[in-house]
Protein backbone atom coordinates (compact mmCIF):
# COMPACT_ATOMS: atom_id res chain seq x y z
CA MET A 1 34.74 35.33 14.34
CA ALA A 2 36.01 36.54 18.30
CA ASP A 3 32.64 39.11 18.15
CA GLU A 4 30.67 36.15 17.31
CA THR A 5 32.71 33.95 20.52
CA LEU A 6 31.55 36.88 23.20
CA ALA A 7 28.35 36.70 21.40
CA VAL A 8 27.74 33.11 21.89
CA ARG A 9 29.32 33.68 25.47
CA ALA A 10 26.95 36.51 26.23
CA ALA A 11 24.37 34.15 25.12
CA GLU A 12 25.28 31.18 27.83
CA ALA A 13 25.78 33.63 30.63
CA LEU A 14 22.27 34.88 30.43
CA PRO A 15 19.74 33.07 32.80
CA GLY A 16 17.13 30.39 30.68
CA TRP A 17 14.00 32.64 31.04
CA ALA A 18 15.72 35.87 29.49
CA GLY A 19 17.05 33.80 26.59
CA SER A 20 13.82 32.64 25.35
CA ILE A 21 11.91 34.28 22.14
CA ARG A 22 8.91 35.28 24.75
CA PHE A 23 11.34 37.48 26.67
CA ARG A 24 12.78 39.06 22.85
CA LEU A 25 9.27 39.97 21.81
CA MET A 26 8.42 41.72 25.22
CA VAL A 27 11.87 43.58 24.78
CA LEU A 28 11.17 43.92 21.34
CA TYR A 29 7.69 45.58 22.21
CA SER A 30 8.33 47.22 25.10
CA VAL A 31 10.76 49.37 22.94
CA LEU A 32 7.82 50.19 20.56
CA LEU A 33 5.27 51.11 23.36
CA PHE A 34 8.09 53.26 24.63
CA GLY A 35 8.97 55.04 21.81
CA LEU A 36 5.87 55.58 20.33
CA ALA A 37 4.80 57.65 24.00
CA THR A 38 8.05 59.21 24.54
CA VAL A 39 7.55 60.69 21.42
CA VAL A 40 3.64 61.56 22.12
CA VAL A 41 5.18 62.68 25.60
CA GLY A 42 7.93 65.05 24.01
CA GLY A 43 6.46 66.06 20.94
CA ILE A 44 3.17 67.45 23.66
CA TYR A 45 5.38 69.56 25.75
CA ALA A 46 7.36 71.02 23.02
CA GLY A 47 4.77 72.56 21.13
CA LEU A 48 3.61 73.85 24.50
CA ALA A 49 6.76 75.24 25.85
CA ARG A 50 7.25 76.85 21.62
CA SER A 51 3.78 78.38 22.62
CA LEU A 52 4.31 79.66 25.63
CA GLU A 53 7.56 81.08 24.52
CA ASP A 54 6.55 82.86 22.04
CA GLN A 55 4.11 85.03 24.48
CA ASP A 56 5.72 88.63 24.23
CA VAL A 57 4.86 90.61 28.06
CA SER A 58 5.96 94.40 26.90
CA ARG A 59 5.05 96.74 24.89
CA THR A 60 5.66 99.75 23.49
CA GLU A 61 4.52 103.20 24.35
CA GLU A 62 4.57 106.87 23.38
CA ALA A 63 5.55 109.96 25.71
CA ALA A 64 5.33 114.39 24.42
CA VAL A 65 8.32 115.31 25.32
CA LEU A 66 9.84 119.36 25.72
CA PHE A 67 13.49 119.90 25.13
CA ARG A 68 15.71 123.39 23.38
CA SER A 69 16.36 123.42 20.41
CA ALA A 70 20.12 124.20 19.22
CA ASP A 71 18.92 127.52 17.94
CA GLY A 72 17.43 128.28 21.67
CA ARG A 73 14.08 127.52 20.93
CA ASP A 74 11.37 125.14 22.88
CA MET A 75 9.94 122.27 20.82
CA ILE A 76 7.41 119.53 21.80
CA GLY A 77 8.75 115.95 20.37
CA ALA A 78 7.42 112.06 21.24
CA LEU A 79 9.51 109.74 22.38
CA GLU A 80 9.18 105.93 22.13
CA PHE A 81 9.44 102.93 24.75
CA GLU A 82 9.41 99.60 25.96
CA VAL A 83 7.16 99.35 28.58
CA GLN A 84 6.70 95.39 30.63
CA ASP A 85 3.19 94.83 31.65
CA PRO A 86 2.80 93.30 34.84
CA LEU A 87 -0.16 90.83 34.27
CA ALA A 88 2.13 89.80 31.54
CA VAL A 89 5.02 89.14 33.56
CA PHE A 90 2.64 86.85 36.20
CA GLU A 91 1.60 85.00 33.76
CA ARG A 92 5.35 83.84 31.78
CA GLU A 93 6.52 82.92 35.29
CA VAL A 94 3.35 81.08 36.43
CA ASN A 95 3.50 79.08 32.74
CA GLU A 96 6.96 78.40 33.10
CA GLN A 97 6.62 76.92 36.84
CA ALA A 98 3.75 75.21 34.50
CA LEU A 99 6.03 73.62 32.29
CA ASP A 100 8.48 72.81 34.91
CA GLN A 101 5.87 70.22 36.56
CA LEU A 102 4.07 69.04 33.28
CA ARG A 103 8.35 67.85 32.51
CA THR A 104 8.01 66.59 35.39
CA TYR A 105 5.01 65.10 35.27
CA ALA A 106 6.26 64.01 31.87
CA PHE A 107 9.36 62.17 33.50
CA GLY A 108 7.46 60.39 35.79
CA ALA A 109 4.61 59.10 33.37
CA LEU A 110 7.69 58.55 30.83
CA GLY A 111 8.95 55.96 33.98
CA LEU A 112 5.59 54.46 34.55
CA LEU A 113 4.85 53.68 30.55
CA PHE A 114 8.13 52.30 30.79
CA ILE A 115 7.09 49.68 33.55
CA GLY A 116 3.94 48.96 31.90
CA SER A 117 5.23 48.45 28.52
CA LEU A 118 7.36 45.96 30.05
CA GLY A 119 4.09 43.83 31.23
CA VAL A 120 2.45 44.61 28.13
CA GLY A 121 4.80 43.03 26.16
CA TRP A 122 5.48 40.41 28.59
CA PHE A 123 1.01 39.85 28.26
CA VAL A 124 1.33 40.04 24.56
CA ALA A 125 4.44 38.23 23.62
CA GLY A 126 2.62 35.26 25.83
CA LEU A 127 -0.38 35.47 23.96
CA VAL A 128 1.21 35.41 20.42
CA LEU A 129 3.17 31.95 21.63
CA ARG A 130 0.20 30.44 23.14
CA PRO A 131 0.19 28.39 19.72
CA VAL A 132 3.35 27.41 20.12
CA GLY A 133 3.73 26.45 23.88
CA ARG A 134 0.48 24.03 22.12
CA ILE A 135 2.98 22.79 19.74
CA THR A 136 5.45 21.98 21.66
CA SER A 137 3.27 20.61 24.70
CA VAL A 138 2.02 17.65 21.88
CA ALA A 139 5.02 17.35 20.04
CA ARG A 140 6.88 16.33 23.99
CA GLU A 141 3.62 13.56 24.23
CA ILE A 142 3.94 12.13 21.44
CA SER A 143 6.31 8.69 21.24
CA GLY A 144 7.19 6.58 18.84
CA THR A 145 4.91 3.89 19.05
CA ASP A 146 1.70 6.31 19.85
CA LEU A 147 1.47 9.55 16.67
CA SER A 148 -3.00 9.52 17.22
CA ARG A 149 -2.07 12.66 18.95
CA ARG A 150 -3.15 15.47 16.48
CA ILE A 151 -2.63 19.67 17.65
CA GLU A 152 -5.74 20.98 16.09
CA LEU A 153 -5.09 24.73 16.70
CA GLU A 154 -8.18 26.84 16.05
CA GLY A 155 -8.65 29.96 15.24
CA PRO A 156 -8.03 32.99 12.35
CA ASP A 157 -6.52 30.99 9.65
CA ASP A 158 -2.91 32.86 10.56
CA GLU A 159 0.50 31.72 10.22
CA LEU A 160 0.97 29.70 13.65
CA LYS A 161 -2.69 28.02 12.34
CA GLN A 162 -0.66 26.84 9.07
CA LEU A 163 2.13 25.97 10.96
CA ALA A 164 0.51 23.56 13.46
CA ASP A 165 -1.70 22.56 10.01
CA THR A 166 1.64 21.73 8.64
CA PHE A 167 2.73 19.67 11.67
CA ASP A 168 -0.48 17.93 11.85
CA ASP A 169 -0.36 16.82 8.11
CA MET A 170 3.39 15.59 9.10
CA LEU A 171 2.28 13.35 11.62
CA THR A 172 -0.56 11.80 9.85
CA ARG A 173 2.38 11.39 7.85
CA LEU A 174 4.60 9.76 9.68
CA ASP A 175 1.59 7.16 11.71
CA GLU A 176 1.25 6.07 8.14
CA ALA A 177 4.25 5.75 8.09
CA PHE A 178 4.96 3.63 11.08
CA GLU A 179 1.53 1.87 10.61
CA ASN A 180 2.69 0.28 6.52
CA GLN A 181 6.26 0.01 8.07
CA ARG A 182 4.02 -2.21 11.13
CA ASP A 183 2.25 -4.20 8.49
CA PHE A 184 5.08 -4.82 6.56
CA ILE A 185 7.24 -6.37 9.47
CA HIS A 186 3.89 -8.93 9.98
CA GLU A 187 3.18 -9.79 6.59
CA ALA A 188 6.89 -10.09 6.20
CA SER A 189 7.20 -12.61 8.50
CA HIS A 190 3.79 -14.14 7.49
CA GLU A 191 4.92 -14.91 4.24
CA LEU A 192 8.13 -16.65 4.84
CA ARG A 193 6.55 -18.41 7.27
CA ASN A 194 4.70 -20.47 4.65
CA PRO A 195 7.80 -21.92 2.51
CA LEU A 196 9.55 -23.12 6.11
CA ALA A 197 6.98 -25.01 7.28
CA VAL A 198 7.25 -26.52 3.44
CA ILE A 199 10.97 -26.86 3.90
CA ARG A 200 11.15 -28.25 7.06
CA THR A 201 8.61 -30.60 7.30
CA ASN A 202 9.73 -32.25 3.88
CA LEU A 203 12.57 -32.56 5.16
CA ASP A 204 11.34 -34.45 8.31
CA VAL A 205 9.91 -36.15 5.91
CA VAL A 206 12.53 -37.46 4.00
CA LEU A 207 15.13 -38.12 6.93
CA SER A 208 12.72 -39.96 9.63
CA ASP A 209 12.49 -42.81 6.70
CA PRO A 210 16.23 -44.11 5.93
CA ASN A 211 15.14 -46.57 3.73
CA ALA A 212 14.37 -43.69 1.21
CA GLU A 213 14.23 -44.13 -2.14
CA ALA A 214 16.88 -42.03 -4.65
CA GLU A 215 13.59 -40.66 -6.31
CA GLU A 216 11.92 -39.61 -2.74
CA LEU A 217 15.14 -37.89 -2.21
CA ARG A 218 14.72 -35.81 -5.48
CA SER A 219 11.55 -35.35 -5.11
CA ALA A 220 11.50 -33.39 -1.67
CA GLY A 221 14.47 -31.37 -3.27
CA GLU A 222 12.66 -30.07 -5.70
CA VAL A 223 10.18 -29.47 -3.09
CA VAL A 224 12.72 -27.36 -0.94
CA GLY A 225 14.45 -26.10 -4.05
CA ARG A 226 11.57 -24.23 -5.02
CA SER A 227 10.64 -23.06 -1.65
CA ALA A 228 13.85 -21.47 -1.14
CA GLU A 229 13.70 -20.20 -4.86
CA ARG A 230 10.30 -18.52 -3.22
CA MET A 231 12.04 -17.53 0.18
CA THR A 232 14.15 -16.00 -2.58
CA THR A 233 12.10 -13.34 -4.60
CA LEU A 234 10.39 -12.76 -1.53
CA VAL A 235 12.91 -11.85 -0.18
CA ASP A 236 13.41 -9.59 -2.64
CA ASP A 237 10.72 -7.99 -3.06
CA LEU A 238 11.14 -7.24 0.89
CA LEU A 239 13.86 -5.11 -0.02
CA VAL A 240 12.14 -3.43 -2.88
CA TYR A 241 9.33 -2.74 -0.88
CA ALA A 242 11.90 -1.85 1.80
CA ARG A 243 14.32 0.56 -0.31
CA HIS A 244 11.12 2.01 -2.14
CA GLY A 245 7.92 1.70 -0.03
CA THR A 246 6.24 -0.41 -2.96
CA ARG A 247 6.36 -3.86 -3.95
CA ALA A 248 8.13 -5.09 -7.04
CA MET A 249 5.31 -5.76 -9.18
CA ARG A 250 6.36 -7.98 -12.37
CA GLU A 251 4.25 -9.05 -15.53
CA GLU A 252 4.74 -12.18 -17.45
CA GLU A 253 2.82 -14.59 -18.76
CA PHE A 254 2.69 -17.58 -17.11
CA ASP A 255 0.63 -21.24 -16.13
CA LEU A 256 -1.74 -21.32 -13.24
CA ALA A 257 -2.14 -24.93 -13.93
CA GLN A 258 2.00 -25.64 -13.22
CA LEU A 259 2.07 -22.81 -10.22
CA VAL A 260 -1.17 -24.78 -8.76
CA SER A 261 0.66 -28.27 -9.44
CA HIS A 262 4.14 -27.01 -8.19
CA LEU A 263 1.84 -25.98 -5.09
CA ALA A 264 -0.06 -29.31 -4.64
CA ASP A 265 2.99 -30.92 -4.24
CA GLU A 266 4.89 -29.19 -2.32
CA PHE A 267 2.36 -29.06 0.10
CA ALA A 268 1.53 -32.80 0.74
CA ALA A 269 4.56 -34.02 2.55
CA PRO A 270 2.70 -31.34 5.28
CA ALA A 271 -1.28 -32.62 4.63
CA ASP A 272 0.54 -36.39 4.99
CA ALA A 273 1.95 -35.46 8.50
CA ALA A 274 -1.20 -33.37 9.11
CA GLY A 275 -3.21 -36.80 8.72
CA LEU A 276 -5.65 -35.54 5.90
CA ALA A 277 -5.55 -36.45 2.16
CA LEU A 278 -4.35 -33.53 -0.80
CA THR A 279 -5.23 -33.89 -4.46
CA LYS A 280 -5.27 -31.72 -7.33
CA GLN A 281 -7.40 -31.50 -10.20
CA LEU A 282 -6.57 -30.43 -12.59
CA PRO A 283 -7.16 -30.10 -16.99
CA GLY A 284 -5.25 -31.14 -19.85
CA GLU A 285 -4.58 -27.78 -21.27
CA LEU A 286 -2.97 -24.36 -20.00
CA LEU A 287 -4.59 -21.81 -17.92
CA PRO A 288 -2.15 -18.68 -19.06
CA VAL A 289 -2.61 -15.71 -16.61
CA CYS A 290 -0.22 -12.38 -16.98
CA GLY A 291 0.95 -10.86 -14.35
CA ASP A 292 3.17 -11.27 -11.26
CA ALA A 293 3.98 -15.04 -10.38
CA PRO A 294 5.38 -15.39 -6.70
CA ALA A 295 2.85 -13.28 -5.51
CA VAL A 296 -0.08 -15.30 -6.62
CA ARG A 297 1.94 -17.66 -6.25
CA ARG A 298 1.44 -16.89 -2.29
CA ALA A 299 -1.89 -16.36 -2.39
CA VAL A 300 -2.67 -19.63 -3.31
CA ALA A 301 0.12 -21.11 -0.50
CA ASN A 302 -1.84 -19.45 1.84
CA LEU A 303 -5.17 -20.79 1.07
CA ILE A 304 -3.43 -24.05 0.75
CA ALA A 305 -1.70 -24.01 4.03
CA ASN A 306 -5.14 -22.38 5.85
CA SER A 307 -6.63 -25.62 4.24
CA VAL A 308 -3.69 -28.02 5.85
CA ARG A 309 -4.10 -26.25 9.56
CA LEU A 310 -7.31 -26.31 9.71
CA ALA A 311 -8.70 -29.38 8.04
CA PRO A 312 -9.22 -32.02 10.90
CA ASP A 313 -7.43 -35.20 10.73
CA GLY A 314 -8.22 -37.77 8.10
CA THR A 315 -10.47 -35.34 6.20
CA ASN A 316 -9.99 -34.13 2.43
CA VAL A 317 -7.93 -30.63 1.24
CA THR A 318 -8.66 -30.45 -2.67
CA VAL A 319 -6.91 -27.76 -4.61
CA SER A 320 -7.84 -27.28 -7.96
CA ALA A 321 -7.62 -25.45 -11.52
CA ASP A 322 -9.72 -24.89 -14.22
CA ARG A 323 -11.36 -21.79 -16.40
CA PHE A 324 -14.49 -20.76 -16.94
CA ASP A 325 -15.10 -18.20 -20.49
CA ASP A 326 -12.77 -15.28 -20.48
CA TRP A 327 -11.38 -16.07 -16.59
CA ASN A 328 -9.09 -18.54 -15.23
CA PHE A 329 -9.47 -20.29 -11.53
CA VAL A 330 -8.05 -21.83 -8.48
CA SER A 331 -10.30 -23.77 -5.64
CA VAL A 332 -9.36 -24.49 -2.72
CA ALA A 333 -12.24 -26.95 -0.58
CA ASP A 334 -11.59 -28.14 2.81
CA ASP A 335 -13.83 -30.22 5.03
CA GLY A 336 -12.67 -27.65 8.20
CA PRO A 337 -14.83 -25.61 10.87
CA GLY A 338 -15.97 -23.11 8.29
CA ILE A 339 -16.78 -19.86 8.64
CA ALA A 340 -20.32 -18.27 9.24
CA PRO A 341 -22.03 -16.27 6.16
CA GLU A 342 -21.99 -12.89 8.77
CA ASN A 343 -17.72 -13.41 8.84
CA HIS A 344 -17.31 -13.86 4.93
CA VAL A 345 -16.57 -10.19 4.97
CA ARG A 346 -14.53 -9.71 7.71
CA VAL A 347 -12.28 -12.49 7.37
CA PHE A 348 -10.40 -10.67 4.58
CA GLN A 349 -9.65 -7.78 7.11
CA ARG A 350 -6.29 -7.49 8.40
CA PHE A 351 -5.47 -9.09 11.77
CA TRP A 352 -9.32 -10.54 11.88
CA ARG A 353 -8.28 -13.50 13.48
CA GLY A 354 -12.19 -15.20 14.45
CA ASP A 355 -11.21 -16.28 17.97
CA ARG A 356 -8.09 -13.92 18.78
CA GLU A 357 -7.10 -16.39 21.98
CA GLU A 358 -6.71 -19.65 19.48
CA ALA A 359 -5.54 -17.64 17.21
CA ARG A 360 -2.66 -16.18 19.36
CA GLN A 361 -1.72 -19.87 20.73
CA GLN A 362 -1.80 -21.24 17.13
CA GLY A 363 0.84 -18.34 15.92
CA ARG A 364 -1.54 -16.49 13.28
CA SER A 365 -1.42 -12.69 12.69
CA GLY A 366 -4.16 -12.71 10.54
CA LEU A 367 -3.31 -11.18 7.79
CA GLY A 368 -3.09 -14.48 5.03
CA LEU A 369 -6.71 -13.69 3.54
CA THR A 370 -6.57 -10.03 3.59
CA ILE A 371 -2.81 -10.72 1.44
CA VAL A 372 -4.36 -12.93 -1.14
CA ARG A 373 -7.23 -10.75 -1.48
CA GLN A 374 -4.98 -7.81 -2.90
CA ILE A 375 -3.28 -9.83 -4.26
CA VAL A 376 -6.15 -10.74 -6.57
CA GLU A 377 -7.67 -7.85 -6.90
CA ALA A 378 -4.03 -6.60 -7.74
CA HIS A 379 -4.24 -8.71 -10.56
CA GLY A 380 -7.90 -7.57 -11.78
CA GLY A 381 -9.80 -10.46 -9.73
CA ARG A 382 -11.65 -11.59 -7.69
CA VAL A 383 -12.26 -13.66 -4.25
CA ASP A 384 -15.86 -16.05 -3.43
CA LEU A 385 -15.63 -17.75 -0.52
CA ALA A 386 -18.35 -20.54 -0.04
CA SER A 387 -19.03 -21.82 4.08
CA ASP A 388 -20.51 -22.15 6.53
CA ILE A 389 -20.54 -23.72 10.60
CA GLY A 390 -19.31 -27.28 10.00
CA HIS A 391 -19.56 -27.35 6.46
CA GLY A 392 -15.44 -26.37 5.91
CA SER A 393 -15.09 -23.56 3.50
CA THR A 394 -14.28 -22.85 -0.63
CA PHE A 395 -12.20 -20.27 -1.95
CA VAL A 396 -12.26 -19.31 -5.66
CA LEU A 397 -9.79 -16.95 -7.04
CA TRP A 398 -10.85 -15.70 -10.02
CA PHE A 399 -8.06 -14.43 -12.48
CA PRO A 400 -9.14 -12.49 -16.20
CA ARG A 401 -7.08 -13.87 -19.45
CA SER A 402 -7.95 -10.57 -19.77
CA LEU A 403 -8.39 -7.35 -17.89
CA ALA A 404 -11.57 -5.91 -20.09
CA SER A 405 -12.97 -9.14 -18.96
CA PRO A 406 -15.97 -8.34 -17.23
CA LEU A 407 -15.74 -10.79 -14.15
CA PRO A 408 -18.07 -13.30 -13.73
CA GLU A 409 -21.81 -13.57 -11.52
CA ALA A 410 -20.11 -14.68 -7.79
CA GLY A 411 -21.00 -18.48 -6.73
CA VAL A 412 -20.00 -19.53 -10.36
C-alpha cells in the first residue's frame, strides 16, 4: 500500500507532458529501438574482435645443431623453436588500434542512436495517437444540445477506427435518445393542453352563471371528471414512457360511438364560448373497436380541438361516427380556413405548423395531427383528409373491426 502511495505521489510530481500516453509510448519505442541497435552493434563488435584475436602471429622453425653425447661422440640433431613474424605482430597492433577506434565509434553511434530513438519514438507515438486526438477534439466540441458531430475516422479498419466507429454509433443513439426526449416533452405538453382547456372552459361557463341549475352543474362536473380521468391516464402513460421508453398500449374493446359522444359533450362548452355550433351525428348501434381507448380518445380530441380553435365564429363543427363494411370511422368537419391540397401530406409531419408566426402566437406545437396519425396507424387504420383553401376541412379516422380487414379506398 505504501509503495502504491509513493508511486502515485511520484506520478503527480512529474510534469504534465511526462505523464501523457505519448511520452510513455515514446519511452517504450525508444527503449526497444535503442536495445535493438545495441544488440546489433555489440554483436558486430564482438564478432569482429573474436576473429581478430584468433589470428596467430608466431610460427615454429627447426634448426640443425651439433652436440656431443655422453660418451664423447659428436652428433647432429634438430631443435624446434617459435619465432614471431614481425609483419604479423605489426598487423596485430594495427587490428588492436582499429578495435579501439571501432569501440569508440560504436559508443558514439549508440549515443546518437539513443537521441534519435527518442525523436523517432515521439514521432511514431504521435502518428499512433493521432486518431485518439481526433476523437478527443470531437468529444470536446460536442455539447449537451448538439450531438450532430461525428468523428468519421478514415483509414484502415484497425482497432482505433473500430473505436471511433463505436463512438459514432454511441453518439447516434444518444442523439436519437435526446430527440425522443424532446419529442416526448412536446407531445406531453400538447396532450395535457386539451383536457386542461376543457376543464377550464366548462368551469368558467358554470361559474359565470349564478343561476345555473343542478343538472347543468352535474353535467359540467361529469365533463370535468372525464377530463380529469383522461389526464390521469395520460400521466400514467407518460410515466411508463419515461421509465421504459415506450408508451403503454392497451388491448381492450370499447364503443367508438360512446367515446365520440362523450368528447362532443366535453367540447360543447369550448365551442359555445368560441361562437360555434358543435353537433354530433351518431348511429343507433355500437361501433366496437379493439385497441387503446385513451389513445383513440386523444386522437379524436385533437381533431375536435383543432376545429374549435380554427373555425370562424358562427360556423358549425360536426362530429360523427358510423361504420362502413368492416370498418368504423370518426369524422370531424368544420368550416375553417381549410388546407391547400399540396399540404395534405405535410400537415401530418412532425412540427409542421404552416404559418410559423401565427402558430407561435397561438402557442401551437405542430404535433397534434402527427399524434393523430401515429395513434390511428398503430391501430391498423388510416387518416383521410378532404380540404381546400376557404372550404373547411374534414378529417376521417378509420379503425378496423378486424386487423385483417383491407383498408377502404381513400375518399369513401
